[in-house]
Amino acid sequence: MPSGNLPVFSGTVDLTPDILNAAKKAGPNAQGNYSFRVALWDNDKRDKDTSPHYKGQVTVNKMENSPKAYSSFWKNDGNGAGNSSRPSSSDDLF
């Protein structure tokens, strides 16, 4: 990736042994991959620029009562504010 070219979002996913065992039990999908679902919410307790903008949970995709793992994501907007609800401008169009 070229220097100074950040992805829109970056994040971490912390998978627990329980969720890995559940994924193994569920088996791979049609493409041969183990599929997980990530649900994120605004981090209302964000108190510093290095805190994640979004936090959430990870579950095995399409598995009822799946064990949970956890995720944190940051919005890379270049100014550290990470305001996900900023109004769009004409520069945002294509």
N, C-alpha and C. Protein backbone atom coordinates (compact mmCIF):
# COMPACT_ATOMS: atom_id res chain seq x y z
N MET A 1 0.85 -1.17 0.00
CA MET A 1 0.00 0.00 0.00
C MET A 1 0.90 1.24 0.00
N PRO A 2 0.61 2.21 -0.85
CA PRO A 2 1.43 3.42 -0.89
C PRO A 2 1.39 4.17 0.43
N SER A 3 2.49 4.82 0.77
CA SER A 3 2.59 5.59 2.00
C SER A 3 1.54 6.69 2.01
N GLY A 4 0.88 6.90 3.16
CA GLY A 4 -0.12 7.95 3.29
C GLY A 4 -1.49 7.55 2.77
N ASN A 5 -1.64 6.36 2.28
CA ASN A 5 -2.90 5.88 1.73
C ASN A 5 -3.55 4.92 2.73
N LEU A 6 -4.34 5.45 3.67
CA LEU A 6 -4.95 4.63 4.71
C LEU A 6 -6.27 4.02 4.23
N PRO A 7 -6.59 2.82 4.69
CA PRO A 7 -7.92 2.27 4.40
C PRO A 7 -8.96 3.09 5.16
N VAL A 8 -10.20 3.02 4.73
CA VAL A 8 -11.27 3.78 5.39
C VAL A 8 -11.44 3.31 6.83
N PHE A 9 -11.38 2.00 7.05
CA PHE A 9 -11.49 1.42 8.38
C PHE A 9 -10.34 0.45 8.60
N SER A 10 -9.91 0.34 9.84
CA SER A 10 -8.97 -0.71 10.23
C SER A 10 -9.47 -1.26 11.56
N GLY A 11 -9.12 -2.50 11.84
CA GLY A 11 -9.64 -3.06 13.06
C GLY A 11 -8.94 -4.32 13.51
N THR A 12 -9.36 -4.78 14.66
CA THR A 12 -8.86 -6.03 15.21
C THR A 12 -10.05 -6.92 15.56
N VAL A 13 -9.83 -8.21 15.45
CA VAL A 13 -10.83 -9.20 15.83
C VAL A 13 -10.13 -10.17 16.77
N ASP A 14 -10.63 -10.29 17.97
CA ASP A 14 -10.06 -11.18 18.98
C ASP A 14 -10.92 -12.43 19.07
N LEU A 15 -10.45 -13.52 18.44
CA LEU A 15 -11.19 -14.77 18.42
C LEU A 15 -10.83 -15.62 19.63
N THR A 16 -11.84 -16.09 20.31
CA THR A 16 -11.64 -16.93 21.49
C THR A 16 -11.57 -18.41 21.07
N PRO A 17 -11.00 -19.26 21.91
CA PRO A 17 -11.00 -20.70 21.59
C PRO A 17 -12.42 -21.24 21.38
N ASP A 18 -13.40 -20.74 22.14
CA ASP A 18 -14.78 -21.21 22.00
C ASP A 18 -15.34 -20.94 20.61
N ILE A 19 -15.08 -19.75 20.07
CA ILE A 19 -15.63 -19.43 18.75
C ILE A 19 -14.89 -20.20 17.65
N LEU A 20 -13.60 -20.44 17.84
CA LEU A 20 -12.86 -21.23 16.85
C LEU A 20 -13.36 -22.67 16.83
N ASN A 21 -13.63 -23.24 18.00
CA ASN A 21 -14.18 -24.59 18.07
C ASN A 21 -15.58 -24.66 17.46
N ALA A 22 -16.39 -23.62 17.68
CA ALA A 22 -17.74 -23.58 17.10
C ALA A 22 -17.66 -23.48 15.58
N ALA A 23 -16.72 -22.70 15.06
CA ALA A 23 -16.56 -22.58 13.61
C ALA A 23 -16.15 -23.92 13.01
N LYS A 24 -15.27 -24.62 13.69
CA LYS A 24 -14.84 -25.94 13.22
C LYS A 24 -16.03 -26.90 13.21
N LYS A 25 -16.84 -26.84 14.25
CA LYS A 25 -18.03 -27.70 14.33
C LYS A 25 -19.03 -27.36 13.22
N ALA A 26 -19.21 -26.06 12.94
CA ALA A 26 -20.14 -25.62 11.89
C ALA A 26 -19.64 -26.02 10.50
N GLY A 27 -18.34 -26.09 10.35
CA GLY A 27 -17.76 -26.47 9.06
C GLY A 27 -17.63 -25.30 8.11
N PRO A 28 -16.89 -25.50 7.03
CA PRO A 28 -16.68 -24.43 6.06
C PRO A 28 -17.93 -24.17 5.21
N ASN A 29 -17.97 -22.97 4.62
CA ASN A 29 -19.07 -22.62 3.72
C ASN A 29 -18.82 -23.22 2.33
N ALA A 30 -19.63 -22.88 1.37
CA ALA A 30 -19.53 -23.45 0.01
C ALA A 30 -18.19 -23.13 -0.65
N GLN A 31 -17.55 -22.05 -0.25
CA GLN A 31 -16.26 -21.68 -0.82
C GLN A 31 -15.09 -22.29 -0.05
N GLY A 32 -15.39 -23.06 0.99
CA GLY A 32 -14.34 -23.70 1.77
C GLY A 32 -13.78 -22.82 2.88
N ASN A 33 -14.44 -21.70 3.18
CA ASN A 33 -13.98 -20.77 4.21
C ASN A 33 -14.85 -20.88 5.46
N TYR A 34 -14.28 -20.52 6.58
CA TYR A 34 -15.04 -20.44 7.83
C TYR A 34 -15.54 -19.01 7.94
N SER A 35 -16.85 -18.84 8.05
CA SER A 35 -17.47 -17.53 7.96
C SER A 35 -17.91 -17.01 9.33
N PHE A 36 -17.56 -15.75 9.60
CA PHE A 36 -17.92 -15.10 10.85
C PHE A 36 -18.74 -13.85 10.54
N ARG A 37 -19.58 -13.47 11.48
CA ARG A 37 -20.39 -12.26 11.35
C ARG A 37 -19.87 -11.25 12.37
N VAL A 38 -19.69 -10.01 11.93
CA VAL A 38 -19.23 -8.94 12.81
C VAL A 38 -20.34 -7.90 12.92
N ALA A 39 -20.73 -7.56 14.13
CA ALA A 39 -21.72 -6.51 14.39
C ALA A 39 -21.02 -5.42 15.20
N LEU A 40 -21.10 -4.18 14.71
CA LEU A 40 -20.39 -3.07 15.35
C LEU A 40 -21.37 -1.98 15.78
N TRP A 41 -21.04 -1.33 16.89
CA TRP A 41 -21.81 -0.21 17.39
C TRP A 41 -20.85 0.95 17.65
N ASP A 42 -21.39 2.17 17.60
CA ASP A 42 -20.59 3.34 17.96
C ASP A 42 -20.06 3.16 19.38
N ASN A 43 -18.80 3.48 19.58
CA ASN A 43 -18.19 3.41 20.91
C ASN A 43 -18.49 4.71 21.65
N ASP A 44 -19.61 4.73 22.36
CA ASP A 44 -20.03 5.93 23.10
C ASP A 44 -19.10 6.28 24.24
N LYS A 45 -18.27 5.34 24.67
CA LYS A 45 -17.34 5.57 25.79
C LYS A 45 -15.96 5.98 25.29
N ARG A 46 -15.83 6.33 24.02
CA ARG A 46 -14.54 6.71 23.44
C ARG A 46 -14.06 8.00 24.12
N ASP A 47 -12.89 7.93 24.77
CA ASP A 47 -12.42 9.08 25.53
C ASP A 47 -11.07 9.62 25.07
N LYS A 48 -10.46 9.01 24.06
CA LYS A 48 -9.20 9.53 23.53
C LYS A 48 -9.07 9.14 22.06
N ASP A 49 -8.21 9.82 21.35
CA ASP A 49 -8.06 9.61 19.91
C ASP A 49 -7.63 8.20 19.54
N THR A 50 -6.95 7.50 20.44
CA THR A 50 -6.50 6.15 20.14
C THR A 50 -7.55 5.08 20.43
N SER A 51 -8.65 5.46 21.07
CA SER A 51 -9.73 4.51 21.36
C SER A 51 -10.47 4.16 20.07
N PRO A 52 -10.98 2.93 19.96
CA PRO A 52 -11.70 2.56 18.75
C PRO A 52 -12.99 3.36 18.60
N HIS A 53 -13.36 3.65 17.35
CA HIS A 53 -14.60 4.36 17.07
C HIS A 53 -15.80 3.42 17.19
N TYR A 54 -15.58 2.15 16.90
CA TYR A 54 -16.65 1.15 16.92
C TYR A 54 -16.17 -0.08 17.68
N LYS A 55 -17.08 -0.69 18.43
CA LYS A 55 -16.78 -1.94 19.14
C LYS A 55 -17.95 -2.88 18.89
N GLY A 56 -17.66 -4.17 18.95
CA GLY A 56 -18.74 -5.09 18.71
C GLY A 56 -18.38 -6.53 18.97
N GLN A 57 -19.23 -7.39 18.45
CA GLN A 57 -19.06 -8.81 18.68
C GLN A 57 -18.92 -9.55 17.36
N VAL A 58 -18.32 -10.71 17.47
CA VAL A 58 -18.12 -11.60 16.33
C VAL A 58 -18.80 -12.92 16.68
N THR A 59 -19.56 -13.47 15.75
CA THR A 59 -20.19 -14.77 15.94
C THR A 59 -19.95 -15.63 14.70
N VAL A 60 -20.16 -16.93 14.84
CA VAL A 60 -20.07 -17.82 13.68
C VAL A 60 -21.29 -17.54 12.82
N ASN A 61 -21.06 -17.26 11.54
CA ASN A 61 -22.15 -16.90 10.64
C ASN A 61 -23.17 -18.03 10.54
N LYS A 62 -24.45 -17.67 10.64
CA LYS A 62 -25.58 -18.58 10.50
C LYS A 62 -25.62 -19.68 11.56
N MET A 63 -24.99 -19.45 12.71
CA MET A 63 -25.06 -20.42 13.81
C MET A 63 -25.85 -19.81 14.95
N GLU A 64 -26.99 -20.42 15.26
CA GLU A 64 -27.81 -19.94 16.36
C GLU A 64 -27.08 -20.18 17.69
N ASN A 65 -27.12 -19.22 18.58
CA ASN A 65 -26.47 -19.30 19.89
C ASN A 65 -24.96 -19.51 19.80
N SER A 66 -24.35 -18.89 18.82
CA SER A 66 -22.90 -18.99 18.64
C SER A 66 -22.17 -18.35 19.81
N PRO A 67 -21.03 -18.92 20.20
CA PRO A 67 -20.18 -18.21 21.17
C PRO A 67 -19.79 -16.85 20.56
N LYS A 68 -19.40 -15.93 21.42
CA LYS A 68 -19.05 -14.59 20.94
C LYS A 68 -17.56 -14.31 21.11
N ALA A 69 -17.04 -13.56 20.18
CA ALA A 69 -15.70 -13.00 20.27
C ALA A 69 -15.89 -11.49 20.14
N TYR A 70 -14.80 -10.74 20.12
CA TYR A 70 -14.93 -9.28 20.18
C TYR A 70 -14.10 -8.59 19.12
N SER A 71 -14.55 -7.40 18.72
CA SER A 71 -13.85 -6.65 17.69
C SER A 71 -13.83 -5.16 18.02
N SER A 72 -12.82 -4.49 17.50
CA SER A 72 -12.68 -3.04 17.63
C SER A 72 -12.26 -2.49 16.28
N PHE A 73 -12.88 -1.40 15.85
CA PHE A 73 -12.55 -0.80 14.56
C PHE A 73 -12.37 0.70 14.71
N TRP A 74 -11.48 1.23 13.89
CA TRP A 74 -11.17 2.65 13.86
C TRP A 74 -11.50 3.19 12.49
N LYS A 75 -12.05 4.41 12.45
CA LYS A 75 -12.29 5.09 11.18
C LYS A 75 -11.08 5.97 10.91
N ASN A 76 -10.44 5.76 9.79
CA ASN A 76 -9.24 6.51 9.42
C ASN A 76 -9.63 7.71 8.57
N ASP A 77 -10.05 8.79 9.25
CA ASP A 77 -10.47 9.97 8.50
C ASP A 77 -9.39 11.05 8.41
N GLY A 78 -8.23 10.78 8.95
CA GLY A 78 -7.11 11.70 8.79
C GLY A 78 -7.00 12.78 9.84
N ASN A 79 -8.06 13.03 10.62
CA ASN A 79 -7.95 14.11 11.61
C ASN A 79 -8.08 13.62 13.04
N GLY A 80 -8.24 12.32 13.22
CA GLY A 80 -8.32 11.77 14.57
C GLY A 80 -9.69 11.87 15.21
N ALA A 81 -10.57 12.66 14.62
CA ALA A 81 -11.89 12.84 15.21
C ALA A 81 -12.79 11.65 14.94
N GLY A 82 -12.71 11.09 13.76
CA GLY A 82 -13.49 9.91 13.44
C GLY A 82 -14.98 10.12 13.46
N ASN A 83 -15.45 11.28 13.10
CA ASN A 83 -16.86 11.57 13.11
C ASN A 83 -17.54 10.83 11.96
N SER A 84 -18.20 9.72 12.28
CA SER A 84 -18.81 8.89 11.24
C SER A 84 -20.08 9.51 10.68
N SER A 85 -20.60 10.54 11.33
CA SER A 85 -21.83 11.14 10.84
C SER A 85 -21.60 12.53 10.25
N ARG A 86 -20.39 12.77 9.79
CA ARG A 86 -20.11 14.09 9.21
C ARG A 86 -20.91 14.26 7.92
N PRO A 87 -21.36 15.47 7.61
CA PRO A 87 -22.12 15.69 6.38
C PRO A 87 -21.22 15.51 5.16
N SER A 88 -21.81 15.02 4.09
CA SER A 88 -21.03 14.85 2.87
C SER A 88 -20.86 16.19 2.18
N SER A 89 -19.83 16.29 1.38
CA SER A 89 -19.60 17.50 0.60
C SER A 89 -19.51 17.10 -0.86
N SER A 90 -19.43 18.08 -1.74
CA SER A 90 -19.34 17.78 -3.17
C SER A 90 -18.06 17.01 -3.48
N ASP A 91 -17.03 17.13 -2.63
CA ASP A 91 -15.78 16.39 -2.84
C ASP A 91 -15.96 14.90 -2.58
N ASP A 92 -17.04 14.51 -1.90
CA ASP A 92 -17.27 13.11 -1.58
C ASP A 92 -17.86 12.32 -2.75
N LEU A 93 -18.28 13.02 -3.79
CA LEU A 93 -18.91 12.34 -4.91
C LEU A 93 -17.87 11.76 -5.84
N PHE A 94 -18.01 10.54 -6.17
CA PHE A 94 -17.15 9.79 -7.11
C PHE A 94 -15.85 10.48 -7.31
